[in-house]
Amino acid sequence: MAWKKDPSADYDCPAHDVIAALDQVRRNLVANRYANEYVFQIDLYRVFLRGCDGHIILFPDAATKGFVFGRQWSLVSVSEDGRSLPVIKLYGLVTVRLLAVQTSDFS
């Protein structure tokens, strides 16, 4: 972590002292400066975010688990005739139609 504090000139991200930032979060916590768990976790999250490194990242539960976005069905992009620009379709509908076409070919 020391190299993050004083990175080489060709490093893409600005210098960031992760240990000093963690110490500051600890001081804030001990001094009861956080209004709630969410504010504390966001501050902690920012320590690692500013580290600009996907290997040291934190996803705090109060900030990242409250809402989960998901899609029940997969999307695919398909050209309807093999030449036109692709359009977005539901994967399940595409496979059902393909199976129907293949089945009718064998009739």
N, C-alpha and C. Protein backbone atom coordinates (compact mmCIF):
# COMPACT_ATOMS: atom_id res chain seq x y z
N MET A 1 0.81 -1.20 0.00
CA MET A 1 0.00 0.00 0.00
C MET A 1 0.86 1.27 0.00
N ALA A 2 2.12 1.11 0.35
CA ALA A 2 2.99 2.29 0.41
C ALA A 2 3.15 2.95 -0.95
N TRP A 3 3.20 2.16 -2.02
CA TRP A 3 3.39 2.74 -3.35
C TRP A 3 2.20 3.59 -3.79
N LYS A 4 1.02 3.35 -3.22
CA LYS A 4 -0.15 4.18 -3.55
C LYS A 4 0.02 5.59 -2.97
N LYS A 5 0.73 5.67 -1.87
CA LYS A 5 0.96 6.96 -1.22
C LYS A 5 1.87 7.85 -2.08
N ASP A 6 2.80 7.22 -2.78
CA ASP A 6 3.74 7.96 -3.62
C ASP A 6 3.97 7.18 -4.92
N PRO A 7 2.98 7.20 -5.81
CA PRO A 7 3.08 6.40 -7.04
C PRO A 7 4.07 7.00 -8.04
N SER A 8 4.47 6.17 -8.98
CA SER A 8 5.37 6.65 -10.03
C SER A 8 4.64 7.66 -10.91
N ALA A 9 5.40 8.44 -11.65
CA ALA A 9 4.83 9.51 -12.47
C ALA A 9 3.90 8.98 -13.56
N ASP A 10 4.12 7.75 -14.00
CA ASP A 10 3.29 7.20 -15.07
C ASP A 10 2.04 6.48 -14.57
N TYR A 11 1.82 6.48 -13.25
CA TYR A 11 0.63 5.85 -12.68
C TYR A 11 -0.58 6.73 -12.97
N ASP A 12 -1.68 6.11 -13.41
CA ASP A 12 -2.86 6.87 -13.85
C ASP A 12 -3.64 7.55 -12.73
N CYS A 13 -3.54 7.05 -11.53
CA CYS A 13 -4.36 7.57 -10.43
C CYS A 13 -3.54 8.48 -9.51
N PRO A 14 -4.21 9.42 -8.85
CA PRO A 14 -3.49 10.31 -7.94
C PRO A 14 -3.01 9.56 -6.69
N ALA A 15 -2.04 10.14 -6.02
CA ALA A 15 -1.53 9.56 -4.78
C ALA A 15 -2.66 9.47 -3.75
N HIS A 16 -2.62 8.39 -2.96
CA HIS A 16 -3.64 8.20 -1.93
C HIS A 16 -3.04 7.36 -0.82
N ASP A 17 -3.03 7.90 0.38
CA ASP A 17 -2.52 7.17 1.54
C ASP A 17 -3.68 6.42 2.18
N VAL A 18 -3.82 5.16 1.81
CA VAL A 18 -4.94 4.34 2.28
C VAL A 18 -4.89 4.18 3.79
N ILE A 19 -3.71 3.93 4.33
CA ILE A 19 -3.57 3.72 5.78
C ILE A 19 -3.96 4.99 6.55
N ALA A 20 -3.51 6.14 6.10
CA ALA A 20 -3.88 7.41 6.76
C ALA A 20 -5.38 7.65 6.66
N ALA A 21 -5.96 7.31 5.52
CA ALA A 21 -7.40 7.48 5.34
C ALA A 21 -8.17 6.55 6.28
N LEU A 22 -7.70 5.32 6.43
CA LEU A 22 -8.34 4.39 7.37
C LEU A 22 -8.20 4.89 8.81
N ASP A 23 -7.05 5.44 9.13
CA ASP A 23 -6.86 6.02 10.47
C ASP A 23 -7.84 7.16 10.72
N GLN A 24 -8.10 7.97 9.70
CA GLN A 24 -9.05 9.08 9.84
C GLN A 24 -10.46 8.54 10.07
N VAL A 25 -10.83 7.50 9.35
CA VAL A 25 -12.15 6.88 9.56
C VAL A 25 -12.25 6.37 10.99
N ARG A 26 -11.18 5.74 11.47
CA ARG A 26 -11.17 5.23 12.85
C ARG A 26 -11.33 6.38 13.86
N ARG A 27 -10.61 7.47 13.63
CA ARG A 27 -10.74 8.63 14.54
C ARG A 27 -12.17 9.18 14.52
N ASN A 28 -12.75 9.25 13.33
CA ASN A 28 -14.14 9.73 13.22
C ASN A 28 -15.10 8.80 13.96
N LEU A 29 -14.84 7.51 13.86
CA LEU A 29 -15.69 6.53 14.53
C LEU A 29 -15.58 6.65 16.05
N VAL A 30 -14.36 6.74 16.54
CA VAL A 30 -14.13 6.87 17.98
C VAL A 30 -14.73 8.17 18.51
N ALA A 31 -14.67 9.23 17.72
CA ALA A 31 -15.21 10.53 18.13
C ALA A 31 -16.72 10.64 17.89
N ASN A 32 -17.32 9.55 17.43
CA ASN A 32 -18.77 9.50 17.20
C ASN A 32 -19.23 10.57 16.20
N ARG A 33 -18.47 10.74 15.13
CA ARG A 33 -18.78 11.76 14.13
C ARG A 33 -19.73 11.28 13.03
N TYR A 34 -20.04 10.01 13.03
CA TYR A 34 -20.93 9.49 12.00
C TYR A 34 -22.37 9.47 12.51
N ALA A 35 -23.26 10.05 11.73
CA ALA A 35 -24.67 10.15 12.14
C ALA A 35 -25.34 8.79 12.17
N ASN A 36 -24.88 7.88 11.31
CA ASN A 36 -25.50 6.55 11.24
C ASN A 36 -24.56 5.59 10.52
N GLU A 37 -24.96 4.34 10.46
CA GLU A 37 -24.16 3.28 9.83
C GLU A 37 -23.90 3.56 8.35
N TYR A 38 -24.90 4.07 7.67
CA TYR A 38 -24.77 4.35 6.24
C TYR A 38 -23.66 5.36 5.97
N VAL A 39 -23.65 6.46 6.71
CA VAL A 39 -22.64 7.50 6.53
C VAL A 39 -21.24 6.95 6.82
N PHE A 40 -21.13 6.13 7.87
CA PHE A 40 -19.85 5.49 8.19
C PHE A 40 -19.39 4.60 7.04
N GLN A 41 -20.30 3.77 6.53
CA GLN A 41 -19.92 2.84 5.47
C GLN A 41 -19.54 3.56 4.17
N ILE A 42 -20.22 4.64 3.87
CA ILE A 42 -19.87 5.41 2.67
C ILE A 42 -18.47 6.01 2.82
N ASP A 43 -18.16 6.51 4.00
CA ASP A 43 -16.83 7.06 4.25
C ASP A 43 -15.76 5.97 4.08
N LEU A 44 -16.04 4.81 4.62
CA LEU A 44 -15.12 3.68 4.50
C LEU A 44 -14.99 3.25 3.03
N TYR A 45 -16.08 3.23 2.33
CA TYR A 45 -16.09 2.88 0.90
C TYR A 45 -15.19 3.84 0.11
N ARG A 46 -15.28 5.11 0.44
CA ARG A 46 -14.49 6.13 -0.28
C ARG A 46 -12.99 5.96 -0.06
N VAL A 47 -12.61 5.43 1.09
CA VAL A 47 -11.19 5.17 1.35
C VAL A 47 -10.64 4.25 0.26
N PHE A 48 -11.37 3.18 -0.01
CA PHE A 48 -10.89 2.20 -0.99
C PHE A 48 -11.15 2.65 -2.42
N LEU A 49 -12.22 3.38 -2.64
CA LEU A 49 -12.52 3.89 -3.97
C LEU A 49 -11.40 4.81 -4.46
N ARG A 50 -10.95 5.68 -3.58
CA ARG A 50 -9.87 6.60 -3.94
C ARG A 50 -8.55 5.87 -4.17
N GLY A 51 -8.47 4.64 -3.70
CA GLY A 51 -7.28 3.83 -3.93
C GLY A 51 -7.11 3.44 -5.38
N CYS A 52 -8.18 3.57 -6.16
CA CYS A 52 -8.11 3.38 -7.61
C CYS A 52 -7.54 2.00 -7.96
N ASP A 53 -8.03 0.97 -7.27
CA ASP A 53 -7.50 -0.37 -7.48
C ASP A 53 -8.60 -1.38 -7.23
N GLY A 54 -8.94 -2.14 -8.24
CA GLY A 54 -9.99 -3.14 -8.11
C GLY A 54 -9.64 -4.29 -7.19
N HIS A 55 -8.37 -4.39 -6.79
CA HIS A 55 -7.95 -5.47 -5.89
C HIS A 55 -8.20 -5.12 -4.43
N ILE A 56 -8.33 -3.85 -4.13
CA ILE A 56 -8.64 -3.43 -2.76
C ILE A 56 -9.90 -2.57 -2.81
N ILE A 57 -11.02 -3.23 -2.77
CA ILE A 57 -12.31 -2.52 -2.85
C ILE A 57 -13.22 -3.07 -1.76
N LEU A 58 -14.12 -2.27 -1.33
CA LEU A 58 -15.07 -2.66 -0.29
C LEU A 58 -16.46 -2.29 -0.77
N PHE A 59 -17.39 -3.22 -0.66
CA PHE A 59 -18.78 -2.94 -0.98
C PHE A 59 -19.59 -3.10 0.30
N PRO A 60 -19.75 -2.02 1.06
CA PRO A 60 -20.44 -2.12 2.35
C PRO A 60 -21.92 -2.46 2.17
N ASP A 61 -22.42 -3.26 3.09
CA ASP A 61 -23.79 -3.76 2.95
C ASP A 61 -24.85 -2.66 3.03
N ALA A 62 -24.68 -1.68 3.88
CA ALA A 62 -25.70 -0.63 4.00
C ALA A 62 -25.79 0.21 2.73
N ALA A 63 -24.70 0.28 1.99
CA ALA A 63 -24.68 1.10 0.78
C ALA A 63 -24.97 0.31 -0.48
N THR A 64 -24.70 -0.98 -0.47
CA THR A 64 -24.82 -1.74 -1.72
C THR A 64 -25.83 -2.87 -1.69
N LYS A 65 -26.37 -3.21 -0.55
CA LYS A 65 -27.29 -4.34 -0.49
C LYS A 65 -28.75 -3.93 -0.33
N GLY A 66 -29.00 -2.64 -0.20
CA GLY A 66 -30.37 -2.17 -0.02
C GLY A 66 -31.23 -2.37 -1.24
N PHE A 67 -30.64 -2.20 -2.40
CA PHE A 67 -31.35 -2.37 -3.66
C PHE A 67 -30.54 -3.30 -4.54
N VAL A 68 -31.22 -4.23 -5.13
CA VAL A 68 -30.56 -5.14 -6.06
C VAL A 68 -31.31 -5.07 -7.38
N PHE A 69 -30.59 -4.73 -8.42
CA PHE A 69 -31.20 -4.68 -9.74
C PHE A 69 -30.92 -5.99 -10.42
N GLY A 70 -31.93 -6.57 -10.96
CA GLY A 70 -31.76 -7.81 -11.70
C GLY A 70 -32.81 -7.92 -12.78
N ARG A 71 -32.54 -8.78 -13.67
CA ARG A 71 -33.47 -9.03 -14.77
C ARG A 71 -33.81 -10.50 -14.72
N GLN A 72 -35.09 -10.82 -14.77
CA GLN A 72 -35.50 -12.22 -14.70
C GLN A 72 -35.17 -12.97 -15.98
N TRP A 73 -35.10 -12.27 -17.08
CA TRP A 73 -34.85 -12.92 -18.36
C TRP A 73 -33.64 -12.29 -19.02
N SER A 74 -32.87 -13.11 -19.70
CA SER A 74 -31.69 -12.62 -20.41
C SER A 74 -32.10 -11.93 -21.70
N LEU A 75 -31.30 -10.95 -22.08
CA LEU A 75 -31.52 -10.24 -23.34
C LEU A 75 -30.46 -10.67 -24.35
N VAL A 76 -30.85 -10.67 -25.62
CA VAL A 76 -29.92 -10.92 -26.71
C VAL A 76 -30.20 -9.92 -27.81
N SER A 77 -29.20 -9.68 -28.64
CA SER A 77 -29.42 -8.84 -29.82
C SER A 77 -29.34 -9.76 -31.04
N VAL A 78 -30.36 -9.68 -31.88
CA VAL A 78 -30.51 -10.60 -33.00
C VAL A 78 -30.88 -9.84 -34.26
N SER A 79 -30.25 -10.20 -35.35
CA SER A 79 -30.67 -9.68 -36.65
C SER A 79 -31.81 -10.58 -37.13
N GLU A 80 -32.92 -9.99 -37.45
CA GLU A 80 -34.10 -10.79 -37.79
C GLU A 80 -33.97 -11.52 -39.12
N ASP A 81 -33.17 -10.98 -40.02
CA ASP A 81 -33.02 -11.66 -41.32
C ASP A 81 -31.57 -11.97 -41.65
N GLY A 82 -30.67 -11.76 -40.73
CA GLY A 82 -29.27 -12.02 -40.98
C GLY A 82 -28.53 -10.88 -41.65
N ARG A 83 -29.26 -9.86 -42.10
CA ARG A 83 -28.65 -8.72 -42.79
C ARG A 83 -28.94 -7.39 -42.08
N SER A 84 -30.11 -7.29 -41.50
CA SER A 84 -30.51 -6.03 -40.86
C SER A 84 -29.79 -5.86 -39.51
N LEU A 85 -29.81 -4.63 -39.03
CA LEU A 85 -29.21 -4.35 -37.73
C LEU A 85 -29.90 -5.17 -36.65
N PRO A 86 -29.16 -5.61 -35.65
CA PRO A 86 -29.78 -6.41 -34.59
C PRO A 86 -30.76 -5.60 -33.75
N VAL A 87 -31.73 -6.29 -33.21
CA VAL A 87 -32.70 -5.71 -32.29
C VAL A 87 -32.63 -6.49 -30.99
N ILE A 88 -33.05 -5.86 -29.91
CA ILE A 88 -33.02 -6.49 -28.59
C ILE A 88 -34.26 -7.37 -28.44
N LYS A 89 -34.03 -8.59 -27.99
CA LYS A 89 -35.11 -9.56 -27.78
C LYS A 89 -34.88 -10.29 -26.46
N LEU A 90 -35.94 -10.88 -25.95
CA LEU A 90 -35.80 -11.77 -24.80
C LEU A 90 -35.24 -13.10 -25.29
N TYR A 91 -34.21 -13.59 -24.63
CA TYR A 91 -33.56 -14.83 -25.03
C TYR A 91 -34.55 -15.99 -25.10
N GLY A 92 -35.42 -16.10 -24.11
CA GLY A 92 -36.39 -17.19 -24.08
C GLY A 92 -37.31 -17.19 -25.29
N LEU A 93 -37.75 -16.01 -25.71
CA LEU A 93 -38.63 -15.94 -26.89
C LEU A 93 -37.88 -16.32 -28.16
N VAL A 94 -36.63 -15.93 -28.25
CA VAL A 94 -35.83 -16.26 -29.43
C VAL A 94 -35.65 -17.77 -29.52
N THR A 95 -35.32 -18.41 -28.41
CA THR A 95 -35.10 -19.86 -28.44
C THR A 95 -36.39 -20.60 -28.72
N VAL A 96 -37.51 -20.14 -28.19
CA VAL A 96 -38.80 -20.79 -28.47
C VAL A 96 -39.11 -20.70 -29.95
N ARG A 97 -38.88 -19.54 -30.54
CA ARG A 97 -39.15 -19.38 -31.98
C ARG A 97 -38.20 -20.23 -32.82
N LEU A 98 -36.94 -20.31 -32.42
CA LEU A 98 -35.99 -21.15 -33.15
C LEU A 98 -36.39 -22.62 -33.09
N LEU A 99 -36.80 -23.06 -31.90
CA LEU A 99 -37.25 -24.45 -31.76
C LEU A 99 -38.48 -24.71 -32.60
N ALA A 100 -39.39 -23.75 -32.66
CA ALA A 100 -40.61 -23.91 -33.46
C ALA A 100 -40.26 -24.03 -34.94
N VAL A 101 -39.32 -23.21 -35.39
CA VAL A 101 -38.90 -23.26 -36.80
C VAL A 101 -38.21 -24.58 -37.10
N GLN A 102 -37.31 -25.00 -36.21
CA GLN A 102 -36.59 -26.26 -36.42
C GLN A 102 -37.55 -27.44 -36.41
N THR A 103 -38.52 -27.43 -35.52
CA THR A 103 -39.50 -28.51 -35.44
C THR A 103 -40.35 -28.56 -36.70
N SER A 104 -40.75 -27.40 -37.21
CA SER A 104 -41.59 -27.37 -38.41
C SER A 104 -40.81 -27.83 -39.63
N ASP A 105 -39.49 -27.66 -39.63
CA ASP A 105 -38.66 -28.12 -40.74
C ASP A 105 -38.65 -29.64 -40.84
N PHE A 106 -38.85 -30.32 -39.72
CA PHE A 106 -38.82 -31.78 -39.70
C PHE A 106 -40.18 -32.40 -39.97
N SER A 107 -41.22 -31.60 -40.05
CA SER A 107 -42.58 -32.13 -40.25
C SER A 107 -42.78 -32.55 -41.69
